[in-house]
Protein backbone atom coordinates (compact mmCIF):
# COMPACT_ATOMS: atom_id res chain seq x y z
CA PHE A 1 -0.07 -0.04 0.13
CA PRO A 2 1.29 3.47 -0.79
CA THR A 3 1.99 5.87 2.09
CA ARG A 4 0.64 9.21 2.14
CA ARG A 5 4.02 10.70 1.33
CA SER A 6 4.44 8.60 -1.69
CA SER A 7 0.94 9.37 -2.83
CA ASP A 8 1.69 13.12 -2.52
CA LEU A 9 4.76 12.78 -4.76
CA SER A 10 2.82 10.96 -7.41
CA ARG A 11 -0.04 13.52 -6.95
CA PHE A 12 2.01 16.87 -6.87
CA GLY A 13 5.19 15.88 -8.77
CA GLY A 14 8.82 16.27 -7.90
CA TYR A 15 8.88 19.96 -8.61
CA SER A 16 6.17 20.97 -6.04
CA PHE A 17 6.23 22.92 -2.82
CA GLN A 18 4.60 19.98 -1.13
CA THR A 19 7.67 17.80 -2.20
CA ALA A 20 10.17 20.34 -1.04
CA TYR A 21 8.37 20.71 2.20
CA ILE A 22 8.58 17.16 2.89
CA LEU A 23 12.31 16.99 1.94
CA THR A 24 13.14 19.50 4.72
CA ALA A 25 12.14 16.83 7.27
CA LEU A 26 14.70 14.46 5.58
CA ILE A 27 17.42 16.96 5.45
CA GLN A 28 17.19 17.30 9.27
CA ILE A 29 17.27 13.77 9.79
CA LEU A 30 20.54 13.53 7.64
CA GLN A 31 22.14 16.16 9.61
CA GLN A 32 21.13 14.54 12.84
CA GLN A 33 22.88 11.37 11.64
CA GLY A 34 25.96 13.28 10.59
CA ARG A 35 25.55 12.76 6.86
CA TYR A 36 26.42 16.27 5.94
CA ALA A 37 27.46 15.56 2.32
CA GLU A 38 24.06 14.21 1.62
CA ALA A 39 22.22 16.94 3.74
CA VAL A 40 24.13 19.49 1.52
CA SER A 41 23.03 17.77 -1.71
CA LEU A 42 19.54 17.28 -0.75
CA ALA A 43 19.13 20.91 0.70
CA LYS A 44 20.47 22.28 -2.77
CA THR A 45 17.83 20.09 -4.58
CA THR A 46 15.08 21.20 -2.28
CA ILE A 47 15.95 24.89 -2.67
CA ASP A 48 15.88 24.22 -6.37
CA ILE A 49 12.51 22.73 -5.99
CA PHE A 50 11.20 25.62 -3.96
CA THR A 51 12.65 27.94 -6.46
CA LYS A 52 11.07 26.21 -9.42
CA SER A 53 7.67 25.88 -7.66
CA GLY A 54 7.64 29.76 -7.41
CA ALA A 55 8.43 30.39 -3.87
CA VAL A 56 9.62 33.97 -3.31
CA ASP A 57 13.13 34.50 -1.64
CA ASP A 58 11.70 35.07 1.82
CA ALA A 59 9.42 32.14 1.82
CA LYS A 60 9.47 30.60 5.34
CA TYR A 61 10.33 27.12 4.21
CA LEU A 62 12.87 28.39 1.60
CA VAL A 63 14.53 30.38 4.17
CA TYR A 64 14.53 27.44 6.61
CA THR A 65 15.92 25.15 3.90
CA ARG A 66 18.79 27.74 3.20
CA ASN A 67 19.54 27.72 7.08
CA LEU A 68 19.84 23.84 6.95
CA LEU A 69 22.24 24.16 3.92
CA ALA A 70 24.37 26.67 5.72
CA SER A 71 24.36 24.62 8.94
CA ALA A 72 25.31 21.57 7.16
CA LEU A 73 28.04 23.56 5.21
CA VAL A 74 29.37 24.56 8.44
CA ALA A 75 29.52 20.90 9.82
CA GLN A 76 31.75 20.15 6.76
CA GLY A 77 34.04 23.02 7.51
CA ASN A 78 32.99 24.83 4.17
CA TYR A 79 32.71 28.07 5.84
CA ALA A 80 32.83 30.52 2.96
CA ASP A 81 29.90 28.80 1.28
CA ALA A 82 28.03 28.63 4.57
CA LEU A 83 28.46 32.39 5.10
CA ALA A 84 27.49 33.07 1.47
CA GLU A 85 24.16 31.25 2.15
CA TYR A 86 23.57 33.06 5.39
CA HIS A 87 24.10 36.35 3.38
CA ARG A 88 21.56 35.11 0.86
CA ILE A 89 19.11 34.50 3.67
CA HIS A 90 19.72 38.11 5.31
CA ALA A 91 19.50 39.82 1.86
CA SER A 92 15.99 38.04 1.19
CA PHE A 93 14.55 40.08 3.95
CA ALA A 94 15.76 43.42 2.66
CA ALA A 95 12.28 44.64 2.15
CA TYR A 96 11.39 43.89 5.68
CA PRO A 97 13.91 45.70 8.04
CA GLU A 98 12.26 44.56 11.29
CA SER A 99 12.60 40.85 10.27
CA GLN A 100 16.00 41.28 8.95
CA GLY A 101 16.99 42.92 12.16
CA ARG A 102 15.78 39.83 13.88
CA LEU A 103 17.47 37.69 11.61
CA ALA A 104 20.79 39.47 12.02
CA ALA A 105 20.72 38.12 15.62
CA GLY A 106 22.24 35.11 13.96
CA ASN A 107 23.13 31.80 15.29
CA ALA A 108 26.11 29.86 16.43
CA ASP A 109 26.88 28.32 13.00
CA TRP A 110 26.76 31.74 11.24
CA ALA A 111 29.08 33.13 13.91
CA LEU A 112 31.47 30.33 13.62
CA ALA A 113 31.47 30.67 9.84
CA LEU A 114 32.18 34.51 10.33
CA VAL A 115 35.16 33.57 12.53
CA GLN A 116 36.56 31.06 10.29
CA THR A 117 36.39 33.37 7.31
CA GLY A 118 38.34 36.07 9.03
CA LYS A 119 35.55 38.28 10.27
CA PRO A 120 35.63 37.82 14.05
CA ASP A 121 34.59 41.46 14.43
CA GLU A 122 31.28 40.82 12.86
CA ALA A 123 31.02 37.52 14.93
CA LEU A 124 31.47 39.04 18.52
CA PRO A 125 28.29 41.21 18.63
CA MET A 126 26.32 38.33 17.12
CA LEU A 127 27.79 35.83 19.83
CA ASP A 128 27.09 38.41 22.76
CA ARG A 129 23.35 38.55 21.52
CA ILE A 130 23.06 34.78 21.24
CA ILE A 131 24.84 34.02 24.54
CA ALA A 132 22.67 36.46 26.40
CA ARG A 133 19.41 35.34 24.73
CA ASN A 134 20.21 31.54 25.05
CA ALA A 135 21.26 31.94 28.87
CA MET A 136 17.92 33.34 29.45
CA TRP A 137 16.19 30.48 27.82
CA LEU A 138 18.42 27.59 28.63
CA GLY A 139 20.36 28.92 31.85
CA LYS A 140 23.96 29.81 32.04
CA ALA A 141 25.19 26.25 32.72
CA HIS A 142 23.72 24.70 29.65
CA GLY A 143 26.28 23.11 27.09
CA GLU A 144 24.99 25.38 24.35
CA ILE A 145 26.29 28.23 26.31
CA ALA A 146 29.65 26.69 26.75
CA ILE A 147 29.96 26.14 23.02
CA MET A 148 29.07 29.45 22.01
CA THR A 149 31.32 30.85 24.63
CA GLY A 150 34.11 28.80 23.13
CA VAL A 151 33.35 30.20 19.60
CA LYS A 152 33.45 33.65 21.20
CA GLY A 153 36.91 32.79 22.68
CA MET A 154 37.82 31.83 19.12
CA ALA A 155 36.69 35.24 17.91
CA LEU A 156 38.44 37.12 20.50
CA VAL A 157 42.05 35.52 19.73
CA ALA A 158 41.41 35.65 15.86
């Protein structure tokens, strides 16, 4: 018996928003399994599907997929390509300064990509915001705070 997902593929086709949406879950699974090369490849394909299905640059799941791609690129040590993807995400919100400002708060992978591409001065304010925000949510003793503090240390000595 076909599953709902497989019937969706035959119903909507390979280049549909619905197909791309389903693939984002698979990208996450690949990343969680440490299969970053496959996650990068699938994320690029998914972005292509979103684009061909008519998604605008600031479409929620297109931006989400770009973020998954950037994160997988960081995990591979491909910091320059990851940074380019983060810049694409940021640029997609140019018409929405408030959203762009929230997005500019960044994340740990974006900050690490900045540090590793010789831009520690851009990473430091981002890391300060991330550490302060996450310390409120997670508590100062959480492992994520330690990781981000380590990245901040890298930025300070770079």
